[in-house]
Amino acid sequence: MIRFGFVIVDDSKRGKGYGRQMLTLAIKYAFEIFGAEKITLGVFDNNKSAYSCYKAAGFTETGEEIICEFFGENWRQVEMEIKR
């Protein structure tokens, strides 16, 4: 089993695309170098920029959603994965 830390993604117009570049490298390393068959993430979809970046990279929602409360706001956590 391979575990990565989470990637903070800012794919907005003001960002420079570094988050997307880090995500692309993490996927490449997991599949090509470490031989992973799939990558699974727990994603909070309230971060629309990160969520759309994961979807654009090929991740799909799997599993159940969980509603969590942080600082008085409800956040939806979804599991996403991408396969080799």
N, C-alpha and C. Protein backbone atom coordinates (compact mmCIF):
# COMPACT_ATOMS: atom_id res chain seq x y z
N MET A 1 0.84 -1.17 0.00
CA MET A 1 0.00 0.00 0.00
C MET A 1 0.89 1.24 0.00
N ILE A 2 0.53 2.21 -0.81
CA ILE A 2 1.26 3.47 -0.90
C ILE A 2 0.35 4.57 -0.40
N ARG A 3 0.88 5.43 0.46
CA ARG A 3 0.09 6.55 0.97
C ARG A 3 0.78 7.85 0.60
N PHE A 4 -0.01 8.78 0.10
CA PHE A 4 0.47 10.12 -0.17
C PHE A 4 -0.20 11.08 0.80
N GLY A 5 0.45 12.17 1.10
CA GLY A 5 -0.21 13.25 1.81
C GLY A 5 -1.19 13.91 0.87
N PHE A 6 -2.00 14.79 1.39
CA PHE A 6 -2.97 15.43 0.51
C PHE A 6 -2.31 16.55 -0.28
N VAL A 7 -2.89 16.87 -1.41
CA VAL A 7 -2.39 17.94 -2.28
C VAL A 7 -3.40 19.07 -2.22
N ILE A 8 -2.94 20.26 -1.87
CA ILE A 8 -3.82 21.42 -1.90
C ILE A 8 -3.77 21.98 -3.31
N VAL A 9 -4.93 22.10 -3.93
CA VAL A 9 -4.99 22.49 -5.32
C VAL A 9 -5.64 23.86 -5.45
N ASP A 10 -4.96 24.77 -6.10
CA ASP A 10 -5.54 26.06 -6.46
C ASP A 10 -5.47 26.13 -7.97
N ASP A 11 -6.58 25.85 -8.61
CA ASP A 11 -6.62 25.83 -10.07
C ASP A 11 -7.36 27.07 -10.59
N SER A 12 -7.50 28.06 -9.73
CA SER A 12 -8.22 29.27 -10.12
C SER A 12 -7.37 30.12 -11.06
N LYS A 13 -7.98 31.15 -11.62
CA LYS A 13 -7.27 32.02 -12.56
C LYS A 13 -6.11 32.74 -11.88
N ARG A 14 -6.25 33.03 -10.59
CA ARG A 14 -5.16 33.73 -9.91
C ARG A 14 -4.01 32.80 -9.54
N GLY A 15 -4.28 31.51 -9.51
CA GLY A 15 -3.24 30.54 -9.20
C GLY A 15 -2.32 30.32 -10.39
N LYS A 16 -1.25 29.65 -10.18
CA LYS A 16 -0.29 29.42 -11.26
C LYS A 16 -0.30 27.97 -11.74
N GLY A 17 -1.27 27.20 -11.27
CA GLY A 17 -1.37 25.81 -11.71
C GLY A 17 -0.43 24.86 -11.01
N TYR A 18 0.21 25.30 -9.91
CA TYR A 18 1.14 24.44 -9.20
C TYR A 18 0.44 23.21 -8.60
N GLY A 19 -0.77 23.40 -8.12
CA GLY A 19 -1.51 22.28 -7.56
C GLY A 19 -1.76 21.20 -8.58
N ARG A 20 -2.14 21.60 -9.78
CA ARG A 20 -2.39 20.62 -10.84
C ARG A 20 -1.09 19.92 -11.23
N GLN A 21 0.02 20.64 -11.26
CA GLN A 21 1.31 20.03 -11.57
C GLN A 21 1.70 19.02 -10.50
N MET A 22 1.48 19.35 -9.23
CA MET A 22 1.79 18.41 -8.15
C MET A 22 0.92 17.18 -8.23
N LEU A 23 -0.36 17.36 -8.55
CA LEU A 23 -1.28 16.22 -8.68
C LEU A 23 -0.84 15.32 -9.83
N THR A 24 -0.47 15.90 -10.95
CA THR A 24 -0.01 15.13 -12.10
C THR A 24 1.23 14.32 -11.76
N LEU A 25 2.18 14.94 -11.05
CA LEU A 25 3.39 14.22 -10.66
C LEU A 25 3.08 13.10 -9.66
N ALA A 26 2.17 13.36 -8.71
CA ALA A 26 1.81 12.33 -7.73
C ALA A 26 1.20 11.12 -8.43
N ILE A 27 0.33 11.35 -9.40
CA ILE A 27 -0.29 10.26 -10.16
C ILE A 27 0.79 9.49 -10.93
N LYS A 28 1.68 10.22 -11.59
CA LYS A 28 2.75 9.58 -12.37
C LYS A 28 3.63 8.72 -11.47
N TYR A 29 4.06 9.27 -10.34
CA TYR A 29 4.92 8.52 -9.43
C TYR A 29 4.20 7.29 -8.89
N ALA A 30 2.96 7.44 -8.53
CA ALA A 30 2.23 6.31 -7.96
C ALA A 30 2.11 5.17 -8.97
N PHE A 31 1.77 5.48 -10.21
CA PHE A 31 1.56 4.44 -11.22
C PHE A 31 2.86 3.92 -11.82
N GLU A 32 3.71 4.83 -12.27
CA GLU A 32 4.89 4.42 -13.02
C GLU A 32 6.06 3.98 -12.15
N ILE A 33 6.30 4.68 -11.08
CA ILE A 33 7.47 4.39 -10.26
C ILE A 33 7.16 3.39 -9.16
N PHE A 34 6.03 3.58 -8.47
CA PHE A 34 5.69 2.71 -7.35
C PHE A 34 4.81 1.53 -7.75
N GLY A 35 4.27 1.51 -8.97
CA GLY A 35 3.49 0.38 -9.45
C GLY A 35 2.10 0.25 -8.86
N ALA A 36 1.53 1.35 -8.38
CA ALA A 36 0.18 1.31 -7.82
C ALA A 36 -0.84 0.97 -8.90
N GLU A 37 -1.90 0.29 -8.52
CA GLU A 37 -2.99 -0.03 -9.45
C GLU A 37 -4.09 1.02 -9.41
N LYS A 38 -4.24 1.69 -8.25
CA LYS A 38 -5.23 2.76 -8.15
C LYS A 38 -4.82 3.71 -7.03
N ILE A 39 -5.37 4.91 -7.09
CA ILE A 39 -5.15 5.93 -6.06
C ILE A 39 -6.52 6.31 -5.53
N THR A 40 -6.66 6.32 -4.24
CA THR A 40 -7.93 6.69 -3.61
C THR A 40 -7.72 7.93 -2.76
N LEU A 41 -8.63 8.89 -2.87
CA LEU A 41 -8.57 10.14 -2.12
C LEU A 41 -9.86 10.36 -1.35
N GLY A 42 -9.76 10.98 -0.21
CA GLY A 42 -10.93 11.53 0.47
C GLY A 42 -10.92 13.02 0.18
N VAL A 43 -11.94 13.53 -0.50
CA VAL A 43 -11.95 14.91 -0.97
C VAL A 43 -13.14 15.64 -0.37
N PHE A 44 -12.90 16.85 0.10
CA PHE A 44 -13.99 17.72 0.52
C PHE A 44 -14.39 18.55 -0.69
N ASP A 45 -15.62 18.33 -1.18
CA ASP A 45 -15.98 18.99 -2.43
C ASP A 45 -16.40 20.44 -2.24
N ASN A 46 -16.33 20.98 -1.02
CA ASN A 46 -16.60 22.40 -0.84
C ASN A 46 -15.48 23.25 -1.44
N ASN A 47 -14.32 22.64 -1.66
CA ASN A 47 -13.23 23.32 -2.35
C ASN A 47 -13.44 23.04 -3.84
N LYS A 48 -14.23 23.88 -4.49
CA LYS A 48 -14.62 23.64 -5.88
C LYS A 48 -13.42 23.57 -6.82
N SER A 49 -12.40 24.37 -6.55
CA SER A 49 -11.23 24.36 -7.40
C SER A 49 -10.52 23.01 -7.34
N ALA A 50 -10.32 22.50 -6.13
CA ALA A 50 -9.65 21.21 -5.97
C ALA A 50 -10.51 20.09 -6.55
N TYR A 51 -11.80 20.12 -6.26
CA TYR A 51 -12.71 19.07 -6.73
C TYR A 51 -12.70 18.99 -8.25
N SER A 52 -12.79 20.14 -8.93
CA SER A 52 -12.80 20.13 -10.39
C SER A 52 -11.46 19.69 -10.96
N CYS A 53 -10.37 20.00 -10.26
CA CYS A 53 -9.05 19.57 -10.71
C CYS A 53 -8.92 18.05 -10.64
N TYR A 54 -9.40 17.44 -9.54
CA TYR A 54 -9.37 15.98 -9.42
C TYR A 54 -10.21 15.33 -10.52
N LYS A 55 -11.40 15.91 -10.78
CA LYS A 55 -12.26 15.36 -11.84
C LYS A 55 -11.56 15.47 -13.20
N ALA A 56 -10.92 16.61 -13.46
CA ALA A 56 -10.23 16.81 -14.74
C ALA A 56 -9.05 15.84 -14.89
N ALA A 57 -8.44 15.45 -13.77
CA ALA A 57 -7.31 14.51 -13.82
C ALA A 57 -7.76 13.07 -14.05
N GLY A 58 -9.08 12.81 -13.97
CA GLY A 58 -9.59 11.48 -14.24
C GLY A 58 -10.12 10.74 -13.03
N PHE A 59 -10.14 11.39 -11.86
CA PHE A 59 -10.69 10.76 -10.67
C PHE A 59 -12.21 10.71 -10.78
N THR A 60 -12.80 9.62 -10.30
CA THR A 60 -14.25 9.48 -10.26
C THR A 60 -14.69 9.21 -8.82
N GLU A 61 -15.90 9.61 -8.51
CA GLU A 61 -16.43 9.39 -7.16
C GLU A 61 -16.73 7.92 -6.96
N THR A 62 -16.37 7.41 -5.78
CA THR A 62 -16.67 6.04 -5.39
C THR A 62 -17.10 6.06 -3.93
N GLY A 63 -17.74 5.05 -3.51
CA GLY A 63 -18.09 4.96 -2.09
C GLY A 63 -19.17 5.92 -1.67
N GLU A 64 -19.31 6.04 -0.37
CA GLU A 64 -20.36 6.86 0.20
C GLU A 64 -19.85 8.27 0.46
N GLU A 65 -20.80 9.19 0.55
CA GLU A 65 -20.44 10.54 0.96
C GLU A 65 -20.68 10.68 2.45
N ILE A 66 -19.90 11.53 3.07
CA ILE A 66 -20.02 11.79 4.50
C ILE A 66 -20.15 13.29 4.68
N ILE A 67 -21.11 13.71 5.47
CA ILE A 67 -21.26 15.13 5.77
C ILE A 67 -20.56 15.42 7.09
N CYS A 68 -19.61 16.36 7.06
CA CYS A 68 -18.83 16.73 8.24
C CYS A 68 -19.09 18.19 8.55
N GLU A 69 -19.03 18.55 9.80
CA GLU A 69 -19.19 19.95 10.16
C GLU A 69 -17.85 20.51 10.61
N PHE A 70 -17.41 21.55 9.92
CA PHE A 70 -16.19 22.26 10.28
C PHE A 70 -16.52 23.73 10.46
N PHE A 71 -16.18 24.25 11.61
CA PHE A 71 -16.36 25.67 11.89
C PHE A 71 -17.76 26.16 11.55
N GLY A 72 -18.75 25.35 11.89
CA GLY A 72 -20.14 25.74 11.69
C GLY A 72 -20.67 25.55 10.28
N GLU A 73 -19.88 25.00 9.38
CA GLU A 73 -20.33 24.75 8.01
C GLU A 73 -20.36 23.25 7.74
N ASN A 74 -21.34 22.82 6.95
CA ASN A 74 -21.39 21.42 6.53
C ASN A 74 -20.54 21.24 5.28
N TRP A 75 -19.66 20.26 5.34
CA TRP A 75 -18.81 19.92 4.20
C TRP A 75 -19.12 18.49 3.78
N ARG A 76 -19.18 18.26 2.49
CA ARG A 76 -19.43 16.92 1.97
C ARG A 76 -18.09 16.30 1.61
N GLN A 77 -17.77 15.17 2.25
CA GLN A 77 -16.56 14.44 1.91
C GLN A 77 -16.94 13.29 1.00
N VAL A 78 -16.23 13.17 -0.10
CA VAL A 78 -16.47 12.07 -1.04
C VAL A 78 -15.16 11.33 -1.26
N GLU A 79 -15.28 10.06 -1.54
CA GLU A 79 -14.11 9.26 -1.89
C GLU A 79 -13.99 9.26 -3.42
N MET A 80 -12.79 9.49 -3.91
CA MET A 80 -12.55 9.49 -5.36
C MET A 80 -11.38 8.56 -5.63
N GLU A 81 -11.37 7.99 -6.82
CA GLU A 81 -10.24 7.15 -7.18
C GLU A 81 -9.95 7.23 -8.66
N ILE A 82 -8.73 6.87 -8.99
CA ILE A 82 -8.30 6.78 -10.38
C ILE A 82 -7.53 5.47 -10.49
N LYS A 83 -7.78 4.75 -11.57
CA LYS A 83 -7.10 3.47 -11.79
C LYS A 83 -6.10 3.62 -12.91
N ARG A 84 -5.10 2.74 -12.87
CA ARG A 84 -4.05 2.75 -13.90
C ARG A 84 -4.66 2.56 -15.27
